[in-house]
mmCIF file of all heavy atoms, coordinates in Angstrom:
data_MODEL
# 
_entry.id   MODEL 
# 
loop_
_atom_site.group_PDB 
_atom_site.id 
_atom_site.type_symbol 
_atom_site.label_atom_id 
_atom_site.label_alt_id 
_atom_site.label_comp_id 
_atom_site.label_asym_id 
_atom_site.label_entity_id 
_atom_site.label_seq_id 
_atom_site.pdbx_PDB_ins_code 
_atom_site.Cartn_x 
_atom_site.Cartn_y 
_atom_site.Cartn_z 
_atom_site.occupancy 
_atom_site.B_iso_or_equiv 
_atom_site.pdbx_formal_charge 
_atom_site.auth_seq_id 
_atom_site.auth_comp_id 
_atom_site.auth_asym_id 
_atom_site.auth_atom_id 
_atom_site.pdbx_PDB_model_num 
ATOM 1   N N   . ASN A 1 1  ? 111.954 -94.437  29.077 1.00 0.00 ? 1  ASN A N   1 
ATOM 2   C CA  . ASN A 1 1  ? 113.052 -94.776  30.031 1.00 0.00 ? 1  ASN A CA  1 
ATOM 3   C C   . ASN A 1 1  ? 114.243 -95.444  29.327 1.00 0.00 ? 1  ASN A C   1 
ATOM 4   O O   . ASN A 1 1  ? 114.020 -96.245  28.450 1.00 0.00 ? 1  ASN A O   1 
ATOM 5   C CB  . ASN A 1 1  ? 112.544 -95.819  31.104 1.00 0.00 ? 1  ASN A CB  1 
ATOM 6   C CG  . ASN A 1 1  ? 113.603 -96.090  32.124 1.00 0.00 ? 1  ASN A CG  1 
ATOM 7   O OD1 . ASN A 1 1  ? 114.577 -96.702  31.882 1.00 0.00 ? 1  ASN A OD1 1 
ATOM 8   N ND2 . ASN A 1 1  ? 113.263 -95.626  33.384 1.00 0.00 ? 1  ASN A ND2 1 
ATOM 9   N N   . ALA A 1 2  ? 115.419 -94.868  29.447 1.00 0.00 ? 2  ALA A N   1 
ATOM 10  C CA  . ALA A 1 2  ? 116.553 -95.324  28.704 1.00 0.00 ? 2  ALA A CA  1 
ATOM 11  C C   . ALA A 1 2  ? 116.867 -96.769  28.880 1.00 0.00 ? 2  ALA A C   1 
ATOM 12  O O   . ALA A 1 2  ? 117.277 -97.496  27.906 1.00 0.00 ? 2  ALA A O   1 
ATOM 13  C CB  . ALA A 1 2  ? 117.864 -94.483  29.074 1.00 0.00 ? 2  ALA A CB  1 
ATOM 14  N N   . THR A 1 3  ? 116.667 -97.312  30.112 1.00 0.00 ? 3  THR A N   1 
ATOM 15  C CA  . THR A 1 3  ? 117.012 -98.736  30.277 1.00 0.00 ? 3  THR A CA  1 
ATOM 16  C C   . THR A 1 3  ? 115.992 -99.614  29.500 1.00 0.00 ? 3  THR A C   1 
ATOM 17  O O   . THR A 1 3  ? 116.398 -100.621 28.954 1.00 0.00 ? 3  THR A O   1 
ATOM 18  C CB  . THR A 1 3  ? 116.926 -99.084  31.844 1.00 0.00 ? 3  THR A CB  1 
ATOM 19  O OG1 . THR A 1 3  ? 115.493 -98.841  32.235 1.00 0.00 ? 3  THR A OG1 1 
ATOM 20  C CG2 . THR A 1 3  ? 117.889 -98.359  32.581 1.00 0.00 ? 3  THR A CG2 1 
ATOM 21  N N   . GLY A 1 4  ? 114.802 -99.167  29.339 1.00 0.00 ? 4  GLY A N   1 
ATOM 22  C CA  . GLY A 1 4  ? 113.804 -100.004 28.565 1.00 0.00 ? 4  GLY A CA  1 
ATOM 23  C C   . GLY A 1 4  ? 114.164 -99.945  27.109 1.00 0.00 ? 4  GLY A C   1 
ATOM 24  O O   . GLY A 1 4  ? 114.058 -100.984 26.407 1.00 0.00 ? 4  GLY A O   1 
ATOM 25  N N   . VAL A 1 5  ? 114.635 -98.847  26.549 1.00 0.00 ? 5  VAL A N   1 
ATOM 26  C CA  . VAL A 1 5  ? 115.103 -98.706  25.201 1.00 0.00 ? 5  VAL A CA  1 
ATOM 27  C C   . VAL A 1 5  ? 116.276 -99.724  24.958 1.00 0.00 ? 5  VAL A C   1 
ATOM 28  O O   . VAL A 1 5  ? 116.337 -100.493 23.944 1.00 0.00 ? 5  VAL A O   1 
ATOM 29  C CB  . VAL A 1 5  ? 115.473 -97.252  24.762 1.00 0.00 ? 5  VAL A CB  1 
ATOM 30  C CG1 . VAL A 1 5  ? 116.034 -97.195  23.378 1.00 0.00 ? 5  VAL A CG1 1 
ATOM 31  C CG2 . VAL A 1 5  ? 114.244 -96.382  24.911 1.00 0.00 ? 5  VAL A CG2 1 
ATOM 32  N N   . ILE A 1 6  ? 117.250 -99.622  25.888 1.00 0.00 ? 6  ILE A N   1 
ATOM 33  C CA  . ILE A 1 6  ? 118.426 -100.437 25.683 1.00 0.00 ? 6  ILE A CA  1 
ATOM 34  C C   . ILE A 1 6  ? 118.111 -101.895 25.810 1.00 0.00 ? 6  ILE A C   1 
ATOM 35  O O   . ILE A 1 6  ? 118.564 -102.751 24.927 1.00 0.00 ? 6  ILE A O   1 
ATOM 36  C CB  . ILE A 1 6  ? 119.461 -100.045 26.742 1.00 0.00 ? 6  ILE A CB  1 
ATOM 37  C CG1 . ILE A 1 6  ? 119.965 -98.641  26.394 1.00 0.00 ? 6  ILE A CG1 1 
ATOM 38  C CG2 . ILE A 1 6  ? 120.603 -101.012 26.730 1.00 0.00 ? 6  ILE A CG2 1 
ATOM 39  C CD1 . ILE A 1 6  ? 120.808 -97.945  27.549 1.00 0.00 ? 6  ILE A CD1 1 
ATOM 40  N N   . PHE A 1 7  ? 117.353 -102.323 26.796 1.00 0.00 ? 7  PHE A N   1 
ATOM 41  C CA  . PHE A 1 7  ? 116.955 -103.728 26.925 1.00 0.00 ? 7  PHE A CA  1 
ATOM 42  C C   . PHE A 1 7  ? 116.120 -104.145 25.841 1.00 0.00 ? 7  PHE A C   1 
ATOM 43  O O   . PHE A 1 7  ? 116.072 -105.385 25.552 1.00 0.00 ? 7  PHE A O   1 
ATOM 44  C CB  . PHE A 1 7  ? 116.241 -103.978 28.227 1.00 0.00 ? 7  PHE A CB  1 
ATOM 45  C CG  . PHE A 1 7  ? 117.199 -103.948 29.463 1.00 0.00 ? 7  PHE A CG  1 
ATOM 46  C CD1 . PHE A 1 7  ? 116.838 -103.359 30.640 1.00 0.00 ? 7  PHE A CD1 1 
ATOM 47  C CD2 . PHE A 1 7  ? 118.432 -104.482 29.476 1.00 0.00 ? 7  PHE A CD2 1 
ATOM 48  C CE1 . PHE A 1 7  ? 117.616 -103.360 31.758 1.00 0.00 ? 7  PHE A CE1 1 
ATOM 49  C CE2 . PHE A 1 7  ? 119.265 -104.470 30.518 1.00 0.00 ? 7  PHE A CE2 1 
ATOM 50  C CZ  . PHE A 1 7  ? 118.843 -103.911 31.684 1.00 0.00 ? 7  PHE A CZ  1 
ATOM 51  N N   . GLY A 1 8  ? 115.335 -103.332 25.267 1.00 0.00 ? 8  GLY A N   1 
ATOM 52  C CA  . GLY A 1 8  ? 114.368 -103.705 24.259 1.00 0.00 ? 8  GLY A CA  1 
ATOM 53  C C   . GLY A 1 8  ? 115.023 -103.776 22.750 1.00 0.00 ? 8  GLY A C   1 
ATOM 54  O O   . GLY A 1 8  ? 114.305 -104.213 21.834 1.00 0.00 ? 8  GLY A O   1 
ATOM 55  N N   . ARG A 1 9  ? 116.267 -103.293 22.662 1.00 0.00 ? 9  ARG A N   1 
ATOM 56  C CA  . ARG A 1 9  ? 116.823 -103.306 21.321 1.00 0.00 ? 9  ARG A CA  1 
ATOM 57  C C   . ARG A 1 9  ? 116.950 -104.752 20.755 1.00 0.00 ? 9  ARG A C   1 
ATOM 58  O O   . ARG A 1 9  ? 117.357 -105.630 21.452 1.00 0.00 ? 9  ARG A O   1 
ATOM 59  C CB  . ARG A 1 9  ? 118.271 -102.664 21.355 1.00 0.00 ? 9  ARG A CB  1 
ATOM 60  C CG  . ARG A 1 9  ? 118.947 -102.546 19.980 1.00 0.00 ? 9  ARG A CG  1 
ATOM 61  C CD  . ARG A 1 9  ? 120.301 -102.697 20.084 1.00 0.00 ? 9  ARG A CD  1 
ATOM 62  N NE  . ARG A 1 9  ? 120.795 -103.957 20.532 1.00 0.00 ? 9  ARG A NE  1 
ATOM 63  C CZ  . ARG A 1 9  ? 120.828 -105.112 19.801 1.00 0.00 ? 9  ARG A CZ  1 
ATOM 64  N NH1 . ARG A 1 9  ? 120.502 -105.130 18.563 1.00 0.00 ? 9  ARG A NH1 1 
ATOM 65  N NH2 . ARG A 1 9  ? 121.128 -106.238 20.415 1.00 0.00 ? 9  ARG A NH2 1 
ATOM 66  N N   . ARG A 1 10 ? 116.539 -104.904 19.502 1.00 0.00 ? 10 ARG A N   1 
ATOM 67  C CA  . ARG A 1 10 ? 116.715 -106.138 18.806 1.00 0.00 ? 10 ARG A CA  1 
ATOM 68  C C   . ARG A 1 10 ? 117.185 -105.823 17.349 1.00 0.00 ? 10 ARG A C   1 
ATOM 69  O O   . ARG A 1 10 ? 116.912 -104.789 16.871 1.00 0.00 ? 10 ARG A O   1 
ATOM 70  C CB  . ARG A 1 10 ? 115.333 -106.872 18.863 1.00 0.00 ? 10 ARG A CB  1 
ATOM 71  C CG  . ARG A 1 10 ? 114.764 -107.294 20.074 1.00 0.00 ? 10 ARG A CG  1 
ATOM 72  C CD  . ARG A 1 10 ? 115.546 -108.381 20.800 1.00 0.00 ? 10 ARG A CD  1 
ATOM 73  N NE  . ARG A 1 10 ? 114.869 -108.830 21.984 1.00 0.00 ? 10 ARG A NE  1 
ATOM 74  C CZ  . ARG A 1 10 ? 115.122 -108.270 23.240 1.00 0.00 ? 10 ARG A CZ  1 
ATOM 75  N NH1 . ARG A 1 10 ? 115.991 -107.323 23.340 1.00 0.00 ? 10 ARG A NH1 1 
ATOM 76  N NH2 . ARG A 1 10 ? 114.519 -108.839 24.344 1.00 0.00 ? 10 ARG A NH2 1 
ATOM 77  N N   . SER A 1 11 ? 117.735 -106.851 16.735 1.00 0.00 ? 11 SER A N   1 
ATOM 78  C CA  . SER A 1 11 ? 118.120 -106.797 15.374 1.00 0.00 ? 11 SER A CA  1 
ATOM 79  C C   . SER A 1 11 ? 116.910 -107.369 14.548 1.00 0.00 ? 11 SER A C   1 
ATOM 80  O O   . SER A 1 11 ? 116.467 -108.533 14.802 1.00 0.00 ? 11 SER A O   1 
ATOM 81  C CB  . SER A 1 11 ? 119.401 -107.581 15.033 1.00 0.00 ? 11 SER A CB  1 
ATOM 82  O OG  . SER A 1 11 ? 120.461 -107.058 15.661 1.00 0.00 ? 11 SER A OG  1 
ATOM 83  N N   . ALA A 1 12 ? 116.321 -106.648 13.634 1.00 0.00 ? 12 ALA A N   1 
ATOM 84  C CA  . ALA A 1 12 ? 115.213 -107.045 12.853 1.00 0.00 ? 12 ALA A CA  1 
ATOM 85  C C   . ALA A 1 12 ? 115.647 -108.238 11.915 1.00 0.00 ? 12 ALA A C   1 
ATOM 86  O O   . ALA A 1 12 ? 116.754 -108.147 11.359 1.00 0.00 ? 12 ALA A O   1 
ATOM 87  C CB  . ALA A 1 12 ? 114.702 -105.914 11.998 1.00 0.00 ? 12 ALA A CB  1 
ATOM 88  N N   . GLN A 1 13 ? 114.809 -109.287 11.882 1.00 0.00 ? 13 GLN A N   1 
ATOM 89  C CA  . GLN A 1 13 ? 115.076 -110.316 10.950 1.00 0.00 ? 13 GLN A CA  1 
ATOM 90  C C   . GLN A 1 13 ? 114.335 -110.162 9.660  1.00 0.00 ? 13 GLN A C   1 
ATOM 91  O O   . GLN A 1 13 ? 114.634 -110.807 8.626  1.00 0.00 ? 13 GLN A O   1 
ATOM 92  C CB  . GLN A 1 13 ? 114.759 -111.691 11.644 1.00 0.00 ? 13 GLN A CB  1 
ATOM 93  C CG  . GLN A 1 13 ? 115.516 -111.834 12.924 1.00 0.00 ? 13 GLN A CG  1 
ATOM 94  C CD  . GLN A 1 13 ? 116.978 -111.792 12.844 1.00 0.00 ? 13 GLN A CD  1 
ATOM 95  O OE1 . GLN A 1 13 ? 117.477 -112.642 12.030 1.00 0.00 ? 13 GLN A OE1 1 
ATOM 96  N NE2 . GLN A 1 13 ? 117.640 -111.013 13.634 1.00 0.00 ? 13 GLN A NE2 1 
ATOM 97  N N   . ALA A 1 14 ? 113.272 -109.443 9.670  1.00 0.00 ? 14 ALA A N   1 
ATOM 98  C CA  . ALA A 1 14 ? 112.455 -109.227 8.481  1.00 0.00 ? 14 ALA A CA  1 
ATOM 99  C C   . ALA A 1 14 ? 111.666 -107.912 8.639  1.00 0.00 ? 14 ALA A C   1 
ATOM 100 O O   . ALA A 1 14 ? 111.443 -107.514 9.771  1.00 0.00 ? 14 ALA A O   1 
ATOM 101 C CB  . ALA A 1 14 ? 111.448 -110.357 8.234  1.00 0.00 ? 14 ALA A CB  1 
ATOM 102 N N   . PHE A 1 15 ? 111.243 -107.259 7.588  1.00 0.00 ? 15 PHE A N   1 
ATOM 103 C CA  . PHE A 1 15 ? 110.605 -106.011 7.619  1.00 0.00 ? 15 PHE A CA  1 
ATOM 104 C C   . PHE A 1 15 ? 109.257 -106.075 6.921  1.00 0.00 ? 15 PHE A C   1 
ATOM 105 O O   . PHE A 1 15 ? 109.110 -106.871 5.935  1.00 0.00 ? 15 PHE A O   1 
ATOM 106 C CB  . PHE A 1 15 ? 111.432 -104.893 6.959  1.00 0.00 ? 15 PHE A CB  1 
ATOM 107 C CG  . PHE A 1 15 ? 112.626 -104.524 7.763  1.00 0.00 ? 15 PHE A CG  1 
ATOM 108 C CD1 . PHE A 1 15 ? 113.891 -104.868 7.309  1.00 0.00 ? 15 PHE A CD1 1 
ATOM 109 C CD2 . PHE A 1 15 ? 112.571 -103.768 8.909  1.00 0.00 ? 15 PHE A CD2 1 
ATOM 110 C CE1 . PHE A 1 15 ? 115.018 -104.517 7.994  1.00 0.00 ? 15 PHE A CE1 1 
ATOM 111 C CE2 . PHE A 1 15 ? 113.762 -103.440 9.611  1.00 0.00 ? 15 PHE A CE2 1 
ATOM 112 C CZ  . PHE A 1 15 ? 114.976 -103.853 9.167  1.00 0.00 ? 15 PHE A CZ  1 
ATOM 113 N N   . ASP A 1 16 ? 108.330 -105.278 7.347  1.00 0.00 ? 16 ASP A N   1 
ATOM 114 C CA  . ASP A 1 16 ? 107.065 -105.048 6.626  1.00 0.00 ? 16 ASP A CA  1 
ATOM 115 C C   . ASP A 1 16 ? 107.301 -104.201 5.447  1.00 0.00 ? 16 ASP A C   1 
ATOM 116 O O   . ASP A 1 16 ? 107.593 -103.029 5.574  1.00 0.00 ? 16 ASP A O   1 
ATOM 117 C CB  . ASP A 1 16 ? 106.053 -104.326 7.613  1.00 0.00 ? 16 ASP A CB  1 
ATOM 118 C CG  . ASP A 1 16 ? 104.670 -104.133 6.947  1.00 0.00 ? 16 ASP A CG  1 
ATOM 119 O OD1 . ASP A 1 16 ? 104.589 -104.366 5.702  1.00 0.00 ? 16 ASP A OD1 1 
ATOM 120 O OD2 . ASP A 1 16 ? 103.783 -103.722 7.705  1.00 0.00 ? 16 ASP A OD2 1 
ATOM 121 N N   . ARG A 1 17 ? 107.231 -104.714 4.285  1.00 0.00 ? 17 ARG A N   1 
ATOM 122 C CA  . ARG A 1 17 ? 107.579 -104.062 2.934  1.00 0.00 ? 17 ARG A CA  1 
ATOM 123 C C   . ARG A 1 17 ? 106.599 -102.970 2.562  1.00 0.00 ? 17 ARG A C   1 
ATOM 124 O O   . ARG A 1 17 ? 106.966 -102.230 1.712  1.00 0.00 ? 17 ARG A O   1 
ATOM 125 C CB  . ARG A 1 17 ? 107.761 -105.157 1.837  1.00 0.00 ? 17 ARG A CB  1 
ATOM 126 C CG  . ARG A 1 17 ? 106.484 -105.931 1.524  1.00 0.00 ? 17 ARG A CG  1 
ATOM 127 C CD  . ARG A 1 17 ? 106.724 -106.711 0.211  1.00 0.00 ? 17 ARG A CD  1 
ATOM 128 N NE  . ARG A 1 17 ? 107.659 -107.690 0.466  1.00 0.00 ? 17 ARG A NE  1 
ATOM 129 C CZ  . ARG A 1 17 ? 107.436 -108.946 0.763  1.00 0.00 ? 17 ARG A CZ  1 
ATOM 130 N NH1 . ARG A 1 17 ? 106.133 -109.321 1.028  1.00 0.00 ? 17 ARG A NH1 1 
ATOM 131 N NH2 . ARG A 1 17 ? 108.378 -109.918 0.910  1.00 0.00 ? 17 ARG A NH2 1 
ATOM 132 N N   . LYS A 1 18 ? 105.534 -102.956 3.256  1.00 0.00 ? 18 LYS A N   1 
ATOM 133 C CA  . LYS A 1 18 ? 104.552 -101.791 3.021  1.00 0.00 ? 18 LYS A CA  1 
ATOM 134 C C   . LYS A 1 18 ? 104.645 -100.753 3.869  1.00 0.00 ? 18 LYS A C   1 
ATOM 135 O O   . LYS A 1 18 ? 103.987 -99.610  3.669  1.00 0.00 ? 18 LYS A O   1 
ATOM 136 C CB  . LYS A 1 18 ? 103.091 -102.417 3.063  1.00 0.00 ? 18 LYS A CB  1 
ATOM 137 C CG  . LYS A 1 18 ? 102.844 -103.543 2.004  1.00 0.00 ? 18 LYS A CG  1 
ATOM 138 C CD  . LYS A 1 18 ? 101.405 -103.998 2.130  1.00 0.00 ? 18 LYS A CD  1 
ATOM 139 C CE  . LYS A 1 18 ? 101.127 -105.158 1.093  1.00 0.00 ? 18 LYS A CE  1 
ATOM 140 N NZ  . LYS A 1 18 ? 99.700  -105.600 1.151  1.00 0.00 ? 18 LYS A NZ  1 
ATOM 141 N N   . ALA A 1 19 ? 105.409 -100.791 5.021  1.00 0.00 ? 19 ALA A N   1 
ATOM 142 C CA  . ALA A 1 19 ? 105.427 -99.711  5.984  1.00 0.00 ? 19 ALA A CA  1 
ATOM 143 C C   . ALA A 1 19 ? 106.213 -98.560  5.459  1.00 0.00 ? 19 ALA A C   1 
ATOM 144 O O   . ALA A 1 19 ? 107.127 -98.705  4.609  1.00 0.00 ? 19 ALA A O   1 
ATOM 145 C CB  . ALA A 1 19 ? 106.131 -100.305 7.295  1.00 0.00 ? 19 ALA A CB  1 
ATOM 146 N N   . ARG A 1 20 ? 105.843 -97.428  5.959  1.00 0.00 ? 20 ARG A N   1 
ATOM 147 C CA  . ARG A 1 20 ? 106.533 -96.125  5.521  1.00 0.00 ? 20 ARG A CA  1 
ATOM 148 C C   . ARG A 1 20 ? 107.094 -95.436  6.757  1.00 0.00 ? 20 ARG A C   1 
ATOM 149 O O   . ARG A 1 20 ? 106.585 -95.591  7.927  1.00 0.00 ? 20 ARG A O   1 
ATOM 150 C CB  . ARG A 1 20 ? 105.640 -95.209  4.739  1.00 0.00 ? 20 ARG A CB  1 
ATOM 151 C CG  . ARG A 1 20 ? 105.009 -95.789  3.486  1.00 0.00 ? 20 ARG A CG  1 
ATOM 152 C CD  . ARG A 1 20 ? 104.205 -94.894  2.695  1.00 0.00 ? 20 ARG A CD  1 
ATOM 153 N NE  . ARG A 1 20 ? 104.999 -93.778  2.213  1.00 0.00 ? 20 ARG A NE  1 
ATOM 154 C CZ  . ARG A 1 20 ? 105.789 -93.837  1.069  1.00 0.00 ? 20 ARG A CZ  1 
ATOM 155 N NH1 . ARG A 1 20 ? 105.782 -95.026  0.299  1.00 0.00 ? 20 ARG A NH1 1 
ATOM 156 N NH2 . ARG A 1 20 ? 106.493 -92.825  0.691  1.00 0.00 ? 20 ARG A NH2 1 
ATOM 157 N N   . MET A 1 21 ? 108.020 -94.494  6.599  1.00 0.00 ? 21 MET A N   1 
ATOM 158 C CA  . MET A 1 21 ? 108.579 -93.681  7.638  1.00 0.00 ? 21 MET A CA  1 
ATOM 159 C C   . MET A 1 21 ? 108.386 -92.198  7.323  1.00 0.00 ? 21 MET A C   1 
ATOM 160 O O   . MET A 1 21 ? 108.511 -91.894  6.110  1.00 0.00 ? 21 MET A O   1 
ATOM 161 C CB  . MET A 1 21 ? 110.117 -94.001  7.764  1.00 0.00 ? 21 MET A CB  1 
ATOM 162 C CG  . MET A 1 21 ? 110.793 -93.099  8.803  1.00 0.00 ? 21 MET A CG  1 
ATOM 163 S SD  . MET A 1 21 ? 112.647 -93.399  8.856  1.00 0.00 ? 21 MET A SD  1 
ATOM 164 C CE  . MET A 1 21 ? 112.601 -94.987  9.603  1.00 0.00 ? 21 MET A CE  1 
ATOM 165 N N   . GLY A 1 22 ? 107.997 -91.426  8.327  1.00 0.00 ? 22 GLY A N   1 
ATOM 166 C CA  . GLY A 1 22 ? 107.801 -90.039  8.022  1.00 0.00 ? 22 GLY A CA  1 
ATOM 167 C C   . GLY A 1 22 ? 109.173 -89.300  7.917  1.00 0.00 ? 22 GLY A C   1 
ATOM 168 O O   . GLY A 1 22 ? 110.179 -89.758  8.469  1.00 0.00 ? 22 GLY A O   1 
ATOM 169 N N   . SER A 1 23 ? 109.146 -88.218  7.225  1.00 0.00 ? 23 SER A N   1 
ATOM 170 C CA  . SER A 1 23 ? 110.333 -87.506  7.031  1.00 0.00 ? 23 SER A CA  1 
ATOM 171 C C   . SER A 1 23 ? 110.910 -86.906  8.329  1.00 0.00 ? 23 SER A C   1 
ATOM 172 O O   . SER A 1 23 ? 112.148 -86.831  8.478  1.00 0.00 ? 23 SER A O   1 
ATOM 173 C CB  . SER A 1 23 ? 110.195 -86.370  5.936  1.00 0.00 ? 23 SER A CB  1 
ATOM 174 O OG  . SER A 1 23 ? 109.249 -85.452  6.401  1.00 0.00 ? 23 SER A OG  1 
ATOM 175 N N   . GLY A 1 24 ? 110.028 -86.634  9.222  1.00 0.00 ? 24 GLY A N   1 
ATOM 176 C CA  . GLY A 1 24 ? 110.511 -86.148  10.535 1.00 0.00 ? 24 GLY A CA  1 
ATOM 177 C C   . GLY A 1 24 ? 111.316 -87.164  11.255 1.00 0.00 ? 24 GLY A C   1 
ATOM 178 O O   . GLY A 1 24 ? 112.385 -86.925  11.899 1.00 0.00 ? 24 GLY A O   1 
# 
């Protein structure tokens, strides 16, 4: 739901330095 995405947006203050992202 678009409203949930919009209301849930936050600015990250810190990241998990071990996490990875898929190329897709």
